[in-house]
Amino acid sequence: MTPIPAAKALDSFFLEARSKILDLAAILDRINRGKDPTSVGSDPRVANIRKAVEVLLDPSGGRAERVQQIFSLEYDPSWAKPAPRV
């Protein structure tokens, strides 16, 4: 698979990226405007959002995988295997 030129990728995905960033900004504003926003300061979900935003600012690449890892659980071999559907 051949990557498309960077300028074409920017042209193709700029509006989508802008929309998603605005959505995230609105969500963070809603959290801050909530009653007692300091009560979520130690919530690991907020910490994960902050870590993910830091990854987005890192130009070294592999951002999608790194963000996915932030929100994923470590593999646990004792997890129950799903039963086949009947």
PDB file of N, CA and C in Angstrom:
ATOM      1  N   MET A   1       0.845  -1.169   0.000  1.00  0.00           N
ATOM      2  CA  MET A   1       0.000   0.000   0.000  1.00  0.00           C
ATOM      3  C   MET A   1       0.898   1.243   0.000  1.00  0.00           C
ATOM      4  N   THR A   2       0.657   2.134  -0.924  1.00  0.00           N
ATOM      5  CA  THR A   2       1.462   3.341  -1.046  1.00  0.00           C
ATOM      6  C   THR A   2       0.772   4.494  -0.315  1.00  0.00           C
ATOM      7  N   PRO A   3       1.462   5.137   0.625  1.00  0.00           N
ATOM      8  CA  PRO A   3       0.845   6.278   1.309  1.00  0.00           C
ATOM      9  C   PRO A   3       0.570   7.420   0.338  1.00  0.00           C
ATOM     10  N   ILE A   4      -0.496   8.172   0.627  1.00  0.00           N
ATOM     11  CA  ILE A   4      -0.783   9.329  -0.203  1.00  0.00           C
ATOM     12  C   ILE A   4       0.123  10.481   0.235  1.00  0.00           C
ATOM     13  N   PRO A   5       0.357  11.436  -0.642  1.00  0.00           N
ATOM     14  CA  PRO A   5       1.189  12.588  -0.246  1.00  0.00           C
ATOM     15  C   PRO A   5       0.585  13.309   0.962  1.00  0.00           C
ATOM     16  N   ALA A   6       1.455  13.871   1.794  1.00  0.00           N
ATOM     17  CA  ALA A   6       1.022  14.541   3.022  1.00  0.00           C
ATOM     18  C   ALA A   6       0.026  15.659   2.735  1.00  0.00           C
ATOM     19  N   ALA A   7       0.264  16.432   1.692  1.00  0.00           N
ATOM     20  CA  ALA A   7      -0.642  17.545   1.369  1.00  0.00           C
ATOM     21  C   ALA A   7      -2.025  17.035   1.001  1.00  0.00           C
ATOM     22  N   LYS A   8      -2.082  15.917   0.283  1.00  0.00           N
ATOM     23  CA  LYS A   8      -3.379  15.329  -0.088  1.00  0.00           C
ATOM     24  C   LYS A   8      -4.079  14.776   1.152  1.00  0.00           C
ATOM     25  N   ALA A   9      -3.319  14.159   2.071  1.00  0.00           N
ATOM     26  CA  ALA A   9      -3.901  13.665   3.312  1.00  0.00           C
ATOM     27  C   ALA A   9      -4.482  14.820   4.123  1.00  0.00           C
ATOM     28  N   LEU A  10      -3.747  15.915   4.193  1.00  0.00           N
ATOM     29  CA  LEU A  10      -4.238  17.094   4.913  1.00  0.00           C
ATOM     30  C   LEU A  10      -5.513  17.624   4.262  1.00  0.00           C
ATOM     31  N   ASP A  11      -5.517  17.724   2.941  1.00  0.00           N
ATOM     32  CA  ASP A  11      -6.718  18.184   2.236  1.00  0.00           C
ATOM     33  C   ASP A  11      -7.901  17.255   2.493  1.00  0.00           C
ATOM     34  N   SER A  12      -7.638  15.973   2.520  1.00  0.00           N
ATOM     35  CA  SER A  12      -8.715  14.986   2.666  1.00  0.00           C
ATOM     36  C   SER A  12      -9.263  14.898   4.081  1.00  0.00           C
ATOM     37  N   PHE A  13      -8.423  15.085   5.081  1.00  0.00           N
ATOM     38  CA  PHE A  13      -8.836  14.790   6.448  1.00  0.00           C
ATOM     39  C   PHE A  13      -8.884  15.979   7.398  1.00  0.00           C
ATOM     40  N   PHE A  14      -8.552  17.175   6.908  1.00  0.00           N
ATOM     41  CA  PHE A  14      -8.511  18.343   7.788  1.00  0.00           C
ATOM     42  C   PHE A  14      -9.846  18.609   8.473  1.00  0.00           C
ATOM     43  N   LEU A  15     -10.928  18.644   7.710  1.00  0.00           N
ATOM     44  CA  LEU A  15     -12.229  18.974   8.298  1.00  0.00           C
ATOM     45  C   LEU A  15     -12.675  17.922   9.312  1.00  0.00           C
ATOM     46  N   GLU A  16     -12.401  16.657   9.024  1.00  0.00           N
ATOM     47  CA  GLU A  16     -12.741  15.589   9.974  1.00  0.00           C
ATOM     48  C   GLU A  16     -11.934  15.738  11.263  1.00  0.00           C
ATOM     49  N   ALA A  17     -10.642  16.018  11.136  1.00  0.00           N
ATOM     50  CA  ALA A  17      -9.795  16.204  12.322  1.00  0.00           C
ATOM     51  C   ALA A  17     -10.268  17.409  13.124  1.00  0.00           C
ATOM     52  N   ARG A  18     -10.565  18.494  12.437  1.00  0.00           N
ATOM     53  CA  ARG A  18     -11.052  19.706  13.103  1.00  0.00           C
ATOM     54  C   ARG A  18     -12.321  19.409  13.892  1.00  0.00           C
ATOM     55  N   SER A  19     -13.233  18.674  13.283  1.00  0.00           N
ATOM     56  CA  SER A  19     -14.495  18.330  13.940  1.00  0.00           C
ATOM     57  C   SER A  19     -14.264  17.498  15.200  1.00  0.00           C
ATOM     58  N   LYS A  20     -13.394  16.528  15.107  1.00  0.00           N
ATOM     59  CA  LYS A  20     -13.135  15.655  16.258  1.00  0.00           C
ATOM     60  C   LYS A  20     -12.425  16.412  17.383  1.00  0.00           C
ATOM     61  N   ILE A  21     -11.529  17.309  17.019  1.00  0.00           N
ATOM     62  CA  ILE A  21     -10.841  18.104  18.040  1.00  0.00           C
ATOM     63  C   ILE A  21     -11.833  19.039  18.735  1.00  0.00           C
ATOM     64  N   LEU A  22     -12.739  19.627  17.965  1.00  0.00           N
ATOM     65  CA  LEU A  22     -13.774  20.474  18.571  1.00  0.00           C
ATOM     66  C   LEU A  22     -14.671  19.663  19.495  1.00  0.00           C
ATOM     67  N   ASP A  23     -15.016  18.438  19.100  1.00  0.00           N
ATOM     68  CA  ASP A  23     -15.819  17.566  19.972  1.00  0.00           C
ATOM     69  C   ASP A  23     -15.098  17.301  21.288  1.00  0.00           C
ATOM     70  N   LEU A  24     -13.822  16.981  21.216  1.00  0.00           N
ATOM     71  CA  LEU A  24     -13.045  16.722  22.425  1.00  0.00           C
ATOM     72  C   LEU A  24     -12.964  17.965  23.303  1.00  0.00           C
ATOM     73  N   ALA A  25     -12.747  19.119  22.690  1.00  0.00           N
ATOM     74  CA  ALA A  25     -12.694  20.368  23.455  1.00  0.00           C
ATOM     75  C   ALA A  25     -14.016  20.614  24.175  1.00  0.00           C
ATOM     76  N   ALA A  26     -15.131  20.351  23.501  1.00  0.00           N
ATOM     77  CA  ALA A  26     -16.441  20.549  24.115  1.00  0.00           C
ATOM     78  C   ALA A  26     -16.654  19.588  25.280  1.00  0.00           C
ATOM     79  N   ILE A  27     -16.218  18.351  25.134  1.00  0.00           N
ATOM     80  CA  ILE A  27     -16.350  17.368  26.223  1.00  0.00           C
ATOM     81  C   ILE A  27     -15.539  17.819  27.436  1.00  0.00           C
ATOM     82  N   LEU A  28     -14.302  18.241  27.209  1.00  0.00           N
ATOM     83  CA  LEU A  28     -13.462  18.699  28.319  1.00  0.00           C
ATOM     84  C   LEU A  28     -14.057  19.941  28.978  1.00  0.00           C
ATOM     85  N   ASP A  29     -14.648  20.832  28.177  1.00  0.00           N
ATOM     86  CA  ASP A  29     -15.322  22.008  28.754  1.00  0.00           C
ATOM     87  C   ASP A  29     -16.511  21.593  29.617  1.00  0.00           C
ATOM     88  N   ARG A  30     -17.275  20.602  29.168  1.00  0.00           N
ATOM     89  CA  ARG A  30     -18.420  20.124  29.955  1.00  0.00           C
ATOM     90  C   ARG A  30     -17.964  19.541  31.290  1.00  0.00           C
ATOM     91  N   ILE A  31     -16.864  18.813  31.261  1.00  0.00           N
ATOM     92  CA  ILE A  31     -16.328  18.260  32.515  1.00  0.00           C
ATOM     93  C   ILE A  31     -15.927  19.398  33.446  1.00  0.00           C
ATOM     94  N   ASN A  32     -15.237  20.398  32.913  1.00  0.00           N
ATOM     95  CA  ASN A  32     -14.802  21.535  33.732  1.00  0.00           C
ATOM     96  C   ASN A  32     -15.961  22.349  34.279  1.00  0.00           C
ATOM     97  N   ARG A  33     -17.053  22.435  33.506  1.00  0.00           N
ATOM     98  CA  ARG A  33     -18.211  23.202  33.957  1.00  0.00           C
ATOM     99  C   ARG A  33     -19.104  22.407  34.912  1.00  0.00           C
ATOM    100  N   GLY A  34     -18.854  21.121  35.041  1.00  0.00           N
ATOM    101  CA  GLY A  34     -19.671  20.290  35.914  1.00  0.00           C
ATOM    102  C   GLY A  34     -19.525  20.711  37.365  1.00  0.00           C
ATOM    103  N   LYS A  35     -20.464  20.256  38.155  1.00  0.00           N
ATOM    104  CA  LYS A  35     -20.388  20.544  39.590  1.00  0.00           C
ATOM    105  C   LYS A  35     -19.145  19.886  40.153  1.00  0.00           C
ATOM    106  N   ASP A  36     -18.343  20.655  40.850  1.00  0.00           N
ATOM    107  CA  ASP A  36     -17.128  20.166  41.501  1.00  0.00           C
ATOM    108  C   ASP A  36     -16.194  19.445  40.519  1.00  0.00           C
ATOM    109  N   PRO A  37     -15.674  20.158  39.507  1.00  0.00           N
ATOM    110  CA  PRO A  37     -14.795  19.508  38.529  1.00  0.00           C
ATOM    111  C   PRO A  37     -13.517  18.947  39.141  1.00  0.00           C
ATOM    112  N   THR A  38     -13.129  19.435  40.318  1.00  0.00           N
ATOM    113  CA  THR A  38     -11.913  18.906  40.945  1.00  0.00           C
ATOM    114  C   THR A  38     -12.118  17.478  41.437  1.00  0.00           C
ATOM    115  N   SER A  39     -13.386  17.052  41.560  1.00  0.00           N
ATOM    116  CA  SER A  39     -13.655  15.691  42.039  1.00  0.00           C
ATOM    117  C   SER A  39     -13.207  14.627  41.036  1.00  0.00           C
ATOM    118  N   VAL A  40     -13.006  15.006  39.773  1.00  0.00           N
ATOM    119  CA  VAL A  40     -12.557  14.041  38.767  1.00  0.00           C
ATOM    120  C   VAL A  40     -11.064  14.170  38.479  1.00  0.00           C
ATOM    121  N   GLY A  41     -10.390  15.041  39.212  1.00  0.00           N
ATOM    122  CA  GLY A  41      -8.974  15.271  38.978  1.00  0.00           C
ATOM    123  C   GLY A  41      -8.116  14.032  39.115  1.00  0.00           C
ATOM    124  N   SER A  42      -8.504  13.118  39.981  1.00  0.00           N
ATOM    125  CA  SER A  42      -7.724  11.891  40.167  1.00  0.00           C
ATOM    126  C   SER A  42      -8.340  10.694  39.436  1.00  0.00           C
ATOM    127  N   ASP A  43      -9.380  10.923  38.657  1.00  0.00           N
ATOM    128  CA  ASP A  43     -10.026   9.838  37.913  1.00  0.00           C
ATOM    129  C   ASP A  43      -9.082   9.345  36.823  1.00  0.00           C
ATOM    130  N   PRO A  44      -8.825   8.051  36.753  1.00  0.00           N
ATOM    131  CA  PRO A  44      -7.884   7.538  35.749  1.00  0.00           C
ATOM    132  C   PRO A  44      -8.351   7.784  34.313  1.00  0.00           C
ATOM    133  N   ARG A  45      -9.653   7.942  34.097  1.00  0.00           N
ATOM    134  CA  ARG A  45     -10.136   8.223  32.741  1.00  0.00           C
ATOM    135  C   ARG A  45      -9.669   9.599  32.288  1.00  0.00           C
ATOM    136  N   VAL A  46      -9.701  10.572  33.190  1.00  0.00           N
ATOM    137  CA  VAL A  46      -9.218  11.914  32.855  1.00  0.00           C
ATOM    138  C   VAL A  46      -7.712  11.858  32.604  1.00  0.00           C
ATOM    139  N   ALA A  47      -7.008  11.120  33.424  1.00  0.00           N
ATOM    140  CA  ALA A  47      -5.557  10.968  33.224  1.00  0.00           C
ATOM    141  C   ALA A  47      -5.269  10.340  31.860  1.00  0.00           C
ATOM    142  N   ASN A  48      -6.067   9.351  31.461  1.00  0.00           N
ATOM    143  CA  ASN A  48      -5.868   8.719  30.157  1.00  0.00           C
ATOM    144  C   ASN A  48      -6.144   9.683  29.011  1.00  0.00           C
ATOM    145  N   ILE A  49      -7.161  10.523  29.163  1.00  0.00           N
ATOM    146  CA  ILE A  49      -7.432  11.524  28.130  1.00  0.00           C
ATOM    147  C   ILE A  49      -6.240  12.465  28.000  1.00  0.00           C
ATOM    148  N   ARG A  50      -5.696  12.902  29.132  1.00  0.00           N
ATOM    149  CA  ARG A  50      -4.531  13.806  29.086  1.00  0.00           C
ATOM    150  C   ARG A  50      -3.330  13.133  28.430  1.00  0.00           C
ATOM    151  N   LYS A  51      -3.088  11.869  28.783  1.00  0.00           N
ATOM    152  CA  LYS A  51      -1.973  11.135  28.164  1.00  0.00           C
ATOM    153  C   LYS A  51      -2.171  11.034  26.650  1.00  0.00           C
ATOM    154  N   ALA A  52      -3.408  10.747  26.248  1.00  0.00           N
ATOM    155  CA  ALA A  52      -3.697  10.600  24.817  1.00  0.00           C
ATOM    156  C   ALA A  52      -3.477  11.908  24.077  1.00  0.00           C
ATOM    157  N   VAL A  53      -3.869  13.029  24.667  1.00  0.00           N
ATOM    158  CA  VAL A  53      -3.648  14.330  24.032  1.00  0.00           C
ATOM    159  C   VAL A  53      -2.147  14.591  23.890  1.00  0.00           C
ATOM    160  N   GLU A  54      -1.368  14.212  24.886  1.00  0.00           N
ATOM    161  CA  GLU A  54       0.090  14.366  24.786  1.00  0.00           C
ATOM    162  C   GLU A  54       0.645  13.544  23.629  1.00  0.00           C
ATOM    163  N   VAL A  55       0.132  12.334  23.453  1.00  0.00           N
ATOM    164  CA  VAL A  55       0.583  11.493  22.339  1.00  0.00           C
ATOM    165  C   VAL A  55       0.243  12.158  21.009  1.00  0.00           C
ATOM    166  N   LEU A  56      -0.938  12.775  20.926  1.00  0.00           N
ATOM    167  CA  LEU A  56      -1.337  13.435  19.683  1.00  0.00           C
ATOM    168  C   LEU A  56      -0.372  14.552  19.295  1.00  0.00           C
ATOM    169  N   LEU A  57       0.241  15.174  20.282  1.00  0.00           N
ATOM    170  CA  LEU A  57       1.172  16.272  20.017  1.00  0.00           C
ATOM    171  C   LEU A  57       2.574  15.794  19.643  1.00  0.00           C
ATOM    172  N   ASP A  58       2.833  14.505  19.773  1.00  0.00           N
ATOM    173  CA  ASP A  58       4.152  13.954  19.475  1.00  0.00           C
ATOM    174  C   ASP A  58       4.236  13.612  17.985  1.00  0.00           C
ATOM    175  N   PRO A  59       5.107  14.277  17.238  1.00  0.00           N
ATOM    176  CA  PRO A  59       5.169  14.060  15.794  1.00  0.00           C
ATOM    177  C   PRO A  59       5.915  12.797  15.359  1.00  0.00           C
ATOM    178  N   SER A  60       6.343  11.965  16.297  1.00  0.00           N
ATOM    179  CA  SER A  60       7.189  10.835  15.924  1.00  0.00           C
ATOM    180  C   SER A  60       6.443   9.687  15.254  1.00  0.00           C
ATOM    181  N   GLY A  61       5.124   9.738  15.209  1.00  0.00           N
ATOM    182  CA  GLY A  61       4.368   8.699  14.515  1.00  0.00           C
ATOM    183  C   GLY A  61       3.864   7.613  15.451  1.00  0.00           C
ATOM    184  N   GLY A  62       3.093   6.694  14.893  1.00  0.00           N
ATOM    185  CA  GLY A  62       2.529   5.594  15.670  1.00  0.00           C
ATOM    186  C   GLY A  62       1.507   6.055  16.695  1.00  0.00           C
ATOM    187  N   ARG A  63       0.916   7.211  16.456  1.00  0.00           N
ATOM    188  CA  ARG A  63       0.010   7.782  17.461  1.00  0.00           C
ATOM    189  C   ARG A  63      -1.232   6.936  17.682  1.00  0.00           C
ATOM    190  N   ALA A  64      -1.835   6.423  16.609  1.00  0.00           N
ATOM    191  CA  ALA A  64      -3.073   5.658  16.766  1.00  0.00           C
ATOM    192  C   ALA A  64      -2.846   4.442  17.662  1.00  0.00           C
ATOM    193  N   GLU A  65      -1.777   3.722  17.436  1.00  0.00           N
ATOM    194  CA  GLU A  65      -1.476   2.548  18.264  1.00  0.00           C
ATOM    195  C   GLU A  65      -1.201   2.951  19.706  1.00  0.00           C
ATOM    196  N   ARG A  66      -0.447   4.012  19.893  1.00  0.00           N
ATOM    197  CA  ARG A  66      -0.103   4.439  21.252  1.00  0.00           C
ATOM    198  C   ARG A  66      -1.341   4.911  22.017  1.00  0.00           C
ATOM    199  N   VAL A  67      -2.245   5.632  21.347  1.00  0.00           N
ATOM    200  CA  VAL A  67      -3.486   6.057  22.007  1.00  0.00           C
ATOM    201  C   VAL A  67      -4.338   4.837  22.338  1.00  0.00           C
ATOM    202  N   GLN A  68      -4.427   3.895  21.408  1.00  0.00           N
ATOM    203  CA  GLN A  68      -5.197   2.668  21.676  1.00  0.00           C
ATOM    204  C   GLN A  68      -4.654   1.947  22.899  1.00  0.00           C
ATOM    205  N   GLN A  69      -3.344   1.891  23.039  1.00  0.00           N
ATOM    206  CA  GLN A  69      -2.736   1.229  24.193  1.00  0.00           C
ATOM    207  C   GLN A  69      -3.092   1.933  25.502  1.00  0.00           C
ATOM    208  N   ILE A  70      -3.199   3.238  25.474  1.00  0.00           N
ATOM    209  CA  ILE A  70      -3.564   3.988  26.689  1.00  0.00           C
ATOM    210  C   ILE A  70      -4.932   3.560  27.191  1.00  0.00           C
ATOM    211  N   PHE A  71      -5.868   3.322  26.263  1.00  0.00           N
ATOM    212  CA  PHE A  71      -7.242   2.998  26.647  1.00  0.00           C
ATOM    213  C   PHE A  71      -7.516   1.495  26.709  1.00  0.00           C
ATOM    214  N   SER A  72      -6.497   0.677  26.532  1.00  0.00           N
ATOM    215  CA  SER A  72      -6.677  -0.775  26.533  1.00  0.00           C
ATOM    216  C   SER A  72      -6.221  -1.392  27.848  1.00  0.00           C
ATOM    217  N   LEU A  73      -6.835  -2.497  28.191  1.00  0.00           N
ATOM    218  CA  LEU A  73      -6.402  -3.275  29.350  1.00  0.00           C
ATOM    219  C   LEU A  73      -5.241  -4.169  28.941  1.00  0.00           C
ATOM    220  N   GLU A  74      -4.339  -4.402  29.866  1.00  0.00           N
ATOM    221  CA  GLU A  74      -3.278  -5.369  29.619  1.00  0.00           C
ATOM    222  C   GLU A  74      -3.907  -6.752  29.476  1.00  0.00           C
ATOM    223  N   TYR A  75      -3.341  -7.573  28.605  1.00  0.00           N
ATOM    224  CA  TYR A  75      -3.869  -8.915  28.407  1.00  0.00           C
ATOM    225  C   TYR A  75      -3.755  -9.723  29.685  1.00  0.00           C
ATOM    226  N   ASP A  76      -4.816 -10.429  30.012  1.00  0.00           N
ATOM    227  CA  ASP A  76      -4.845 -11.298  31.181  1.00  0.00           C
ATOM    228  C   ASP A  76      -5.178 -12.707  30.702  1.00  0.00           C
ATOM    229  N   PRO A  77      -4.228 -13.648  30.786  1.00  0.00           N
ATOM    230  CA  PRO A  77      -4.483 -14.995  30.276  1.00  0.00           C
ATOM    231  C   PRO A  77      -5.614 -15.712  31.005  1.00  0.00           C
ATOM    232  N   SER A  78      -6.047 -15.203  32.151  1.00  0.00           N
ATOM    233  CA  SER A  78      -7.134 -15.873  32.873  1.00  0.00           C
ATOM    234  C   SER A  78      -8.516 -15.409  32.420  1.00  0.00           C
ATOM    235  N   TRP A  79      -8.577 -14.499  31.425  1.00  0.00           N
ATOM    236  CA  TRP A  79      -9.878 -14.072  30.917  1.00  0.00           C
ATOM    237  C   TRP A  79     -10.648 -15.272  30.384  1.00  0.00           C
ATOM    238  N   ALA A  80     -11.939 -15.275  30.617  1.00  0.00           N
ATOM    239  CA  ALA A  80     -12.788 -16.358  30.114  1.00  0.00           C
ATOM    240  C   ALA A  80     -12.873 -16.269  28.591  1.00  0.00           C
ATOM    241  N   LYS A  81     -12.807 -17.417  27.961  1.00  0.00           N
ATOM    242  CA  LYS A  81     -12.936 -17.456  26.512  1.00  0.00           C
ATOM    243  C   LYS A  81     -14.425 -17.378  26.145  1.00  0.00           C
ATOM    244  N   PRO A  82     -14.780 -16.646  25.100  1.00  0.00           N
ATOM    245  CA  PRO A  82     -16.192 -16.549  24.729  1.00  0.00           C
ATOM    246  C   PRO A  82     -16.721 -17.898  24.228  1.00  0.00           C
ATOM    247  N   ALA A  83     -17.965 -18.165  24.565  1.00  0.00           N
ATOM    248  CA  ALA A  83     -18.602 -19.414  24.117  1.00  0.00           C
ATOM    249  C   ALA A  83     -19.142 -19.191  22.702  1.00  0.00           C
ATOM    250  N   PRO A  84     -19.070 -20.221  21.866  1.00  0.00           N
ATOM    251  CA  PRO A  84     -19.605 -20.073  20.509  1.00  0.00           C
ATOM    252  C   PRO A  84     -21.124 -19.863  20.541  1.00  0.00           C
ATOM    253  N   ARG A  85     -21.615 -19.098  19.577  1.00  0.00           N
ATOM    254  CA  ARG A  85     -23.052 -18.874  19.476  1.00  0.00           C
ATOM    255  C   ARG A  85     -23.732 -20.124  18.926  1.00  0.00           C
ATOM    256  N   VAL A  86     -24.899 -20.355  19.417  1.00  0.00           N
ATOM    257  CA  VAL A  86     -25.653 -21.534  18.939  1.00  0.00           C
ATOM    258  C   VAL A  86     -26.751 -21.111  18.014  1.00  0.00           C
TER     259      VAL A  86
END
